[in-house]
Amino acid sequence: MIVKDKLFIDGQWIDPAGSGKIEVIEAATEQVLGTAPDGTEADIDKAVVAARRAFDDGAWTGTTPAERAEIMAALSAQIQG
């Protein structure tokens, strides 16, 4: 079972504001794969601020599609790891 205890916000893994957890379900088998933090409003607010900043300052919009694909692949590997 995969257990994650942090949220990926603003380019880093951070502790969630709350202590809630959610089960991650495999859609094909309906088996529980693991757990992840249940993000709170405060976590969502942090993520939205970070996303807006990345969009406005060009950190994300200034990248090419190929660079974005590499970033997303690296993030996927971290999540799966």
PDB file of N, CA and C in Angstrom:
ATOM      1  N   MET A   1       0.844  -1.179   0.000  1.00  0.00           N
ATOM      2  CA  MET A   1       0.000   0.000   0.000  1.00  0.00           C
ATOM      3  C   MET A   1       0.891   1.245   0.000  1.00  0.00           C
ATOM      4  N   ILE A   2       0.522   2.205  -0.807  1.00  0.00           N
ATOM      5  CA  ILE A   2       1.261   3.460  -0.904  1.00  0.00           C
ATOM      6  C   ILE A   2       0.657   4.456   0.094  1.00  0.00           C
ATOM      7  N   VAL A   3       1.498   5.020   0.930  1.00  0.00           N
ATOM      8  CA  VAL A   3       1.038   6.004   1.907  1.00  0.00           C
ATOM      9  C   VAL A   3       1.817   7.294   1.680  1.00  0.00           C
ATOM     10  N   LYS A   4       1.098   8.346   1.328  1.00  0.00           N
ATOM     11  CA  LYS A   4       1.693   9.668   1.159  1.00  0.00           C
ATOM     12  C   LYS A   4       1.207  10.541   2.309  1.00  0.00           C
ATOM     13  N   ASP A   5       2.120  11.355   2.846  1.00  0.00           N
ATOM     14  CA  ASP A   5       1.728  12.210   3.968  1.00  0.00           C
ATOM     15  C   ASP A   5       1.974  13.689   3.697  1.00  0.00           C
ATOM     16  N   LYS A   6       2.380  14.016   2.473  1.00  0.00           N
ATOM     17  CA  LYS A   6       2.643  15.420   2.126  1.00  0.00           C
ATOM     18  C   LYS A   6       1.906  15.776   0.845  1.00  0.00           C
ATOM     19  N   LEU A   7       1.744  17.072   0.617  1.00  0.00           N
ATOM     20  CA  LEU A   7       1.141  17.603  -0.606  1.00  0.00           C
ATOM     21  C   LEU A   7       2.225  18.295  -1.425  1.00  0.00           C
ATOM     22  N   PHE A   8       2.133  18.203  -2.750  1.00  0.00           N
ATOM     23  CA  PHE A   8       3.092  18.868  -3.624  1.00  0.00           C
ATOM     24  C   PHE A   8       2.505  20.215  -4.013  1.00  0.00           C
ATOM     25  N   ILE A   9       3.027  21.274  -3.392  1.00  0.00           N
ATOM     26  CA  ILE A   9       2.543  22.633  -3.632  1.00  0.00           C
ATOM     27  C   ILE A   9       3.737  23.550  -3.809  1.00  0.00           C
ATOM     28  N   ASP A  10       3.695  24.362  -4.845  1.00  0.00           N
ATOM     29  CA  ASP A  10       4.730  25.364  -5.112  1.00  0.00           C
ATOM     30  C   ASP A  10       6.108  24.722  -5.281  1.00  0.00           C
ATOM     31  N   GLY A  11       6.136  23.568  -5.962  1.00  0.00           N
ATOM     32  CA  GLY A  11       7.404  22.933  -6.283  1.00  0.00           C
ATOM     33  C   GLY A  11       8.059  22.152  -5.165  1.00  0.00           C
ATOM     34  N   GLN A  12       7.316  21.932  -4.080  1.00  0.00           N
ATOM     35  CA  GLN A  12       7.912  21.180  -2.974  1.00  0.00           C
ATOM     36  C   GLN A  12       6.846  20.362  -2.241  1.00  0.00           C
ATOM     37  N   TRP A  13       7.316  19.331  -1.568  1.00  0.00           N
ATOM     38  CA  TRP A  13       6.431  18.504  -0.751  1.00  0.00           C
ATOM     39  C   TRP A  13       6.301  19.165   0.614  1.00  0.00           C
ATOM     40  N   ILE A  14       5.059  19.482   1.006  1.00  0.00           N
ATOM     41  CA  ILE A  14       4.822  20.166   2.281  1.00  0.00           C
ATOM     42  C   ILE A  14       3.809  19.396   3.125  1.00  0.00           C
ATOM     43  N   ASP A  15       3.864  19.639   4.429  1.00  0.00           N
ATOM     44  CA  ASP A  15       2.877  19.048   5.329  1.00  0.00           C
ATOM     45  C   ASP A  15       1.524  19.702   5.081  1.00  0.00           C
ATOM     46  N   PRO A  16       0.458  18.908   5.055  1.00  0.00           N
ATOM     47  CA  PRO A  16      -0.871  19.501   4.891  1.00  0.00           C
ATOM     48  C   PRO A  16      -1.278  20.278   6.139  1.00  0.00           C
ATOM     49  N   ALA A  17      -2.210  21.198   5.971  1.00  0.00           N
ATOM     50  CA  ALA A  17      -2.686  21.996   7.106  1.00  0.00           C
ATOM     51  C   ALA A  17      -3.499  21.150   8.084  1.00  0.00           C
ATOM     52  N   GLY A  18      -4.183  20.133   7.580  1.00  0.00           N
ATOM     53  CA  GLY A  18      -5.006  19.282   8.439  1.00  0.00           C
ATOM     54  C   GLY A  18      -4.398  17.904   8.603  1.00  0.00           C
ATOM     55  N   SER A  19      -5.136  17.044   9.272  1.00  0.00           N
ATOM     56  CA  SER A  19      -4.640  15.689   9.512  1.00  0.00           C
ATOM     57  C   SER A  19      -5.487  14.618   8.827  1.00  0.00           C
ATOM     58  N   GLY A  20      -6.485  15.039   8.052  1.00  0.00           N
ATOM     59  CA  GLY A  20      -7.357  14.079   7.381  1.00  0.00           C
ATOM     60  C   GLY A  20      -6.641  13.307   6.283  1.00  0.00           C
ATOM     61  N   LYS A  21      -7.126  12.116   6.029  1.00  0.00           N
ATOM     62  CA  LYS A  21      -6.585  11.248   4.987  1.00  0.00           C
ATOM     63  C   LYS A  21      -7.720  10.777   4.092  1.00  0.00           C
ATOM     64  N   ILE A  22      -7.405  10.488   2.827  1.00  0.00           N
ATOM     65  CA  ILE A  22      -8.369   9.890   1.911  1.00  0.00           C
ATOM     66  C   ILE A  22      -7.768   8.605   1.355  1.00  0.00           C
ATOM     67  N   GLU A  23      -8.619   7.650   1.041  1.00  0.00           N
ATOM     68  CA  GLU A  23      -8.175   6.425   0.414  1.00  0.00           C
ATOM     69  C   GLU A  23      -8.104   6.641  -1.099  1.00  0.00           C
ATOM     70  N   VAL A  24      -7.062   6.101  -1.698  1.00  0.00           N
ATOM     71  CA  VAL A  24      -6.897   6.155  -3.151  1.00  0.00           C
ATOM     72  C   VAL A  24      -7.337   4.796  -3.681  1.00  0.00           C
ATOM     73  N   ILE A  25      -8.330   4.807  -4.555  1.00  0.00           N
ATOM     74  CA  ILE A  25      -8.944   3.580  -5.045  1.00  0.00           C
ATOM     75  C   ILE A  25      -8.532   3.334  -6.502  1.00  0.00           C
ATOM     76  N   GLU A  26      -8.151   2.098  -6.805  1.00  0.00           N
ATOM     77  CA  GLU A  26      -7.874   1.677  -8.182  1.00  0.00           C
ATOM     78  C   GLU A  26      -9.216   1.499  -8.888  1.00  0.00           C
ATOM     79  N   ALA A  27      -9.455   2.296  -9.913  1.00  0.00           N
ATOM     80  CA  ALA A  27     -10.759   2.298 -10.574  1.00  0.00           C
ATOM     81  C   ALA A  27     -11.118   0.948 -11.194  1.00  0.00           C
ATOM     82  N   ALA A  28     -10.139   0.241 -11.752  1.00  0.00           N
ATOM     83  CA  ALA A  28     -10.422  -1.023 -12.429  1.00  0.00           C
ATOM     84  C   ALA A  28     -10.788  -2.142 -11.459  1.00  0.00           C
ATOM     85  N   THR A  29     -10.181  -2.139 -10.273  1.00  0.00           N
ATOM     86  CA  THR A  29     -10.396  -3.245  -9.333  1.00  0.00           C
ATOM     87  C   THR A  29     -11.176  -2.834  -8.090  1.00  0.00           C
ATOM     88  N   GLU A  30     -11.316  -1.534  -7.881  1.00  0.00           N
ATOM     89  CA  GLU A  30     -11.945  -0.965  -6.696  1.00  0.00           C
ATOM     90  C   GLU A  30     -11.211  -1.331  -5.407  1.00  0.00           C
ATOM     91  N   GLN A  31      -9.930  -1.657  -5.539  1.00  0.00           N
ATOM     92  CA  GLN A  31      -9.094  -1.963  -4.385  1.00  0.00           C
ATOM     93  C   GLN A  31      -8.417  -0.683  -3.887  1.00  0.00           C
ATOM     94  N   VAL A  32      -8.190  -0.614  -2.585  1.00  0.00           N
ATOM     95  CA  VAL A  32      -7.488   0.533  -2.021  1.00  0.00           C
ATOM     96  C   VAL A  32      -6.006   0.394  -2.349  1.00  0.00           C
ATOM     97  N   LEU A  33      -5.454   1.412  -3.036  1.00  0.00           N
ATOM     98  CA  LEU A  33      -4.034   1.430  -3.376  1.00  0.00           C
ATOM     99  C   LEU A  33      -3.199   2.051  -2.273  1.00  0.00           C
ATOM    100  N   GLY A  34      -3.799   3.009  -1.572  1.00  0.00           N
ATOM    101  CA  GLY A  34      -3.055   3.706  -0.538  1.00  0.00           C
ATOM    102  C   GLY A  34      -3.862   4.840   0.048  1.00  0.00           C
ATOM    103  N   THR A  35      -3.152   5.743   0.725  1.00  0.00           N
ATOM    104  CA  THR A  35      -3.789   6.913   1.316  1.00  0.00           C
ATOM    105  C   THR A  35      -2.986   8.164   0.959  1.00  0.00           C
ATOM    106  N   ALA A  36      -3.690   9.277   1.009  1.00  0.00           N
ATOM    107  CA  ALA A  36      -3.076  10.578   0.736  1.00  0.00           C
ATOM    108  C   ALA A  36      -3.726  11.612   1.649  1.00  0.00           C
ATOM    109  N   PRO A  37      -3.040  12.741   1.858  1.00  0.00           N
ATOM    110  CA  PRO A  37      -3.633  13.781   2.701  1.00  0.00           C
ATOM    111  C   PRO A  37      -4.929  14.325   2.084  1.00  0.00           C
ATOM    112  N   ASP A  38      -5.876  14.622   2.931  1.00  0.00           N
ATOM    113  CA  ASP A  38      -7.113  15.265   2.515  1.00  0.00           C
ATOM    114  C   ASP A  38      -6.887  16.769   2.629  1.00  0.00           C
ATOM    115  N   GLY A  39      -6.624  17.412   1.501  1.00  0.00           N
ATOM    116  CA  GLY A  39      -6.308  18.834   1.500  1.00  0.00           C
ATOM    117  C   GLY A  39      -7.436  19.685   2.067  1.00  0.00           C
ATOM    118  N   THR A  40      -7.055  20.689   2.802  1.00  0.00           N
ATOM    119  CA  THR A  40      -8.012  21.616   3.409  1.00  0.00           C
ATOM    120  C   THR A  40      -8.149  22.864   2.538  1.00  0.00           C
ATOM    121  N   GLU A  41      -9.037  23.750   2.929  1.00  0.00           N
ATOM    122  CA  GLU A  41      -9.167  25.027   2.214  1.00  0.00           C
ATOM    123  C   GLU A  41      -7.843  25.788   2.224  1.00  0.00           C
ATOM    124  N   ALA A  42      -7.125  25.732   3.339  1.00  0.00           N
ATOM    125  CA  ALA A  42      -5.836  26.424   3.431  1.00  0.00           C
ATOM    126  C   ALA A  42      -4.837  25.832   2.437  1.00  0.00           C
ATOM    127  N   ASP A  43      -4.844  24.513   2.272  1.00  0.00           N
ATOM    128  CA  ASP A  43      -3.955  23.869   1.307  1.00  0.00           C
ATOM    129  C   ASP A  43      -4.324  24.288  -0.114  1.00  0.00           C
ATOM    130  N   ILE A  44      -5.616  24.328  -0.394  1.00  0.00           N
ATOM    131  CA  ILE A  44      -6.079  24.739  -1.719  1.00  0.00           C
ATOM    132  C   ILE A  44      -5.682  26.180  -1.990  1.00  0.00           C
ATOM    133  N   ASP A  45      -5.852  27.047  -1.002  1.00  0.00           N
ATOM    134  CA  ASP A  45      -5.469  28.448  -1.175  1.00  0.00           C
ATOM    135  C   ASP A  45      -3.977  28.571  -1.506  1.00  0.00           C
ATOM    136  N   LYS A  46      -3.127  27.807  -0.812  1.00  0.00           N
ATOM    137  CA  LYS A  46      -1.684  27.830  -1.100  1.00  0.00           C
ATOM    138  C   LYS A  46      -1.408  27.382  -2.529  1.00  0.00           C
ATOM    139  N   ALA A  47      -2.086  26.321  -2.943  1.00  0.00           N
ATOM    140  CA  ALA A  47      -1.875  25.786  -4.286  1.00  0.00           C
ATOM    141  C   ALA A  47      -2.322  26.774  -5.359  1.00  0.00           C
ATOM    142  N   VAL A  48      -3.442  27.433  -5.139  1.00  0.00           N
ATOM    143  CA  VAL A  48      -3.948  28.408  -6.105  1.00  0.00           C
ATOM    144  C   VAL A  48      -3.002  29.605  -6.209  1.00  0.00           C
ATOM    145  N   VAL A  49      -2.523  30.100  -5.082  1.00  0.00           N
ATOM    146  CA  VAL A  49      -1.571  31.218  -5.090  1.00  0.00           C
ATOM    147  C   VAL A  49      -0.304  30.825  -5.851  1.00  0.00           C
ATOM    148  N   ALA A  50       0.197  29.620  -5.593  1.00  0.00           N
ATOM    149  CA  ALA A  50       1.411  29.156  -6.264  1.00  0.00           C
ATOM    150  C   ALA A  50       1.188  29.007  -7.762  1.00  0.00           C
ATOM    151  N   ALA A  51       0.039  28.473  -8.150  1.00  0.00           N
ATOM    152  CA  ALA A  51      -0.263  28.297  -9.576  1.00  0.00           C
ATOM    153  C   ALA A  51      -0.402  29.644 -10.277  1.00  0.00           C
ATOM    154  N   ARG A  52      -1.053  30.576  -9.625  1.00  0.00           N
ATOM    155  CA  ARG A  52      -1.227  31.913 -10.222  1.00  0.00           C
ATOM    156  C   ARG A  52       0.127  32.580 -10.412  1.00  0.00           C
ATOM    157  N   ARG A  53       0.996  32.466  -9.404  1.00  0.00           N
ATOM    158  CA  ARG A  53       2.327  33.061  -9.483  1.00  0.00           C
ATOM    159  C   ARG A  53       3.135  32.409 -10.619  1.00  0.00           C
ATOM    160  N   ALA A  54       3.074  31.099 -10.728  1.00  0.00           N
ATOM    161  CA  ALA A  54       3.808  30.400 -11.786  1.00  0.00           C
ATOM    162  C   ALA A  54       3.308  30.820 -13.164  1.00  0.00           C
ATOM    163  N   PHE A  55       2.007  31.052 -13.267  1.00  0.00           N
ATOM    164  CA  PHE A  55       1.447  31.502 -14.542  1.00  0.00           C
ATOM    165  C   PHE A  55       1.848  32.941 -14.837  1.00  0.00           C
ATOM    166  N   ASP A  56       1.716  33.821 -13.842  1.00  0.00           N
ATOM    167  CA  ASP A  56       1.986  35.247 -14.058  1.00  0.00           C
ATOM    168  C   ASP A  56       3.457  35.561 -14.268  1.00  0.00           C
ATOM    169  N   ASP A  57       4.357  34.873 -13.566  1.00  0.00           N
ATOM    170  CA  ASP A  57       5.779  35.206 -13.701  1.00  0.00           C
ATOM    171  C   ASP A  57       6.470  34.440 -14.827  1.00  0.00           C
ATOM    172  N   GLY A  58       5.719  33.584 -15.516  1.00  0.00           N
ATOM    173  CA  GLY A  58       6.278  32.871 -16.660  1.00  0.00           C
ATOM    174  C   GLY A  58       7.004  31.588 -16.319  1.00  0.00           C
ATOM    175  N   ALA A  59       7.049  31.227 -15.033  1.00  0.00           N
ATOM    176  CA  ALA A  59       7.755  30.006 -14.647  1.00  0.00           C
ATOM    177  C   ALA A  59       7.158  28.783 -15.339  1.00  0.00           C
ATOM    178  N   TRP A  60       5.861  28.781 -15.566  1.00  0.00           N
ATOM    179  CA  TRP A  60       5.223  27.664 -16.255  1.00  0.00           C
ATOM    180  C   TRP A  60       4.913  28.032 -17.706  1.00  0.00           C
ATOM    181  N   THR A  61       4.360  29.199 -17.910  1.00  0.00           N
ATOM    182  CA  THR A  61       3.964  29.587 -19.269  1.00  0.00           C
ATOM    183  C   THR A  61       5.166  29.834 -20.167  1.00  0.00           C
ATOM    184  N   GLY A  62       6.325  30.076 -19.567  1.00  0.00           N
ATOM    185  CA  GLY A  62       7.529  30.299 -20.361  1.00  0.00           C
ATOM    186  C   GLY A  62       8.237  29.022 -20.779  1.00  0.00           C
ATOM    187  N   THR A  63       7.695  27.870 -20.390  1.00  0.00           N
ATOM    188  CA  THR A  63       8.315  26.607 -20.768  1.00  0.00           C
ATOM    189  C   THR A  63       7.687  26.074 -22.048  1.00  0.00           C
ATOM    190  N   THR A  64       8.445  25.236 -22.737  1.00  0.00           N
ATOM    191  CA  THR A  64       7.927  24.611 -23.954  1.00  0.00           C
ATOM    192  C   THR A  64       7.081  23.394 -23.575  1.00  0.00           C
ATOM    193  N   PRO A  65       6.261  22.915 -24.490  1.00  0.00           N
ATOM    194  CA  PRO A  65       5.513  21.686 -24.199  1.00  0.00           C
ATOM    195  C   PRO A  65       6.427  20.519 -23.822  1.00  0.00           C
ATOM    196  N   ALA A  66       7.567  20.406 -24.452  1.00  0.00           N
ATOM    197  CA  ALA A  66       8.504  19.325 -24.132  1.00  0.00           C
ATOM    198  C   ALA A  66       9.039  19.477 -22.702  1.00  0.00           C
ATOM    199  N   GLU A  67       9.341  20.710 -22.302  1.00  0.00           N
ATOM    200  CA  GLU A  67       9.814  20.945 -20.929  1.00  0.00           C
ATOM    201  C   GLU A  67       8.717  20.633 -19.920  1.00  0.00           C
ATOM    202  N   ARG A  68       7.495  21.002 -20.257  1.00  0.00           N
ATOM    203  CA  ARG A  68       6.374  20.702 -19.355  1.00  0.00           C
ATOM    204  C   ARG A  68       6.190  19.189 -19.216  1.00  0.00           C
ATOM    205  N   ALA A  69       6.330  18.475 -20.320  1.00  0.00           N
ATOM    206  CA  ALA A  69       6.205  17.018 -20.283  1.00  0.00           C
ATOM    207  C   ALA A  69       7.269  16.407 -19.375  1.00  0.00           C
ATOM    208  N   GLU A  70       8.490  16.914 -19.441  1.00  0.00           N
ATOM    209  CA  GLU A  70       9.569  16.417 -18.570  1.00  0.00           C
ATOM    210  C   GLU A  70       9.257  16.688 -17.097  1.00  0.00           C
ATOM    211  N   ILE A  71       8.758  17.883 -16.818  1.00  0.00           N
ATOM    212  CA  ILE A  71       8.412  18.251 -15.443  1.00  0.00           C
ATOM    213  C   ILE A  71       7.305  17.336 -14.925  1.00  0.00           C
ATOM    214  N   MET A  72       6.281  17.116 -15.737  1.00  0.00           N
ATOM    215  CA  MET A  72       5.169  16.268 -15.312  1.00  0.00           C
ATOM    216  C   MET A  72       5.610  14.814 -15.135  1.00  0.00           C
ATOM    217  N   ALA A  73       6.510  14.335 -15.993  1.00  0.00           N
ATOM    218  CA  ALA A  73       7.021  12.964 -15.857  1.00  0.00           C
ATOM    219  C   ALA A  73       7.819  12.814 -14.562  1.00  0.00           C
ATOM    220  N   ALA A  74       8.629  13.825 -14.234  1.00  0.00           N
ATOM    221  CA  ALA A  74       9.409  13.783 -12.995  1.00  0.00           C
ATOM    222  C   ALA A  74       8.483  13.803 -11.779  1.00  0.00           C
ATOM    223  N   LEU A  75       7.435  14.614 -11.821  1.00  0.00           N
ATOM    224  CA  LEU A  75       6.473  14.663 -10.728  1.00  0.00           C
ATOM    225  C   LEU A  75       5.760  13.315 -10.601  1.00  0.00           C
ATOM    226  N   SER A  76       5.369  12.742 -11.718  1.00  0.00           N
ATOM    227  CA  SER A  76       4.718  11.439 -11.694  1.00  0.00           C
ATOM    228  C   SER A  76       5.610  10.378 -11.051  1.00  0.00           C
ATOM    229  N   ALA A  77       6.884  10.405 -11.377  1.00  0.00           N
ATOM    230  CA  ALA A  77       7.822   9.447 -10.800  1.00  0.00           C
ATOM    231  C   ALA A  77       7.935   9.632  -9.291  1.00  0.00           C
ATOM    232  N   GLN A  78       7.924  10.878  -8.831  1.00  0.00           N
ATOM    233  CA  GLN A  78       7.977  11.141  -7.385  1.00  0.00           C
ATOM    234  C   GLN A  78       6.734  10.635  -6.684  1.00  0.00           C
ATOM    235  N   ILE A  79       5.592  10.837  -7.310  1.00  0.00           N
ATOM    236  CA  ILE A  79       4.335  10.396  -6.711  1.00  0.00           C
ATOM    237  C   ILE A  79       4.284   8.874  -6.632  1.00  0.00           C
ATOM    238  N   GLN A  80       4.751   8.221  -7.669  1.00  0.00           N
ATOM    239  CA  GLN A  80       4.723   6.763  -7.704  1.00  0.00           C
ATOM    240  C   GLN A  80       5.786   6.122  -6.819  1.00  0.00           C
ATOM    241  N   GLY A  81       6.882   6.875  -6.595  1.00  0.00           N
ATOM    242  CA  GLY A  81       8.028   6.353  -5.862  1.00  0.00           C
ATOM    243  C   GLY A  81       7.761   6.105  -4.459  1.00  0.00           C
TER     244      GLY A  81
END
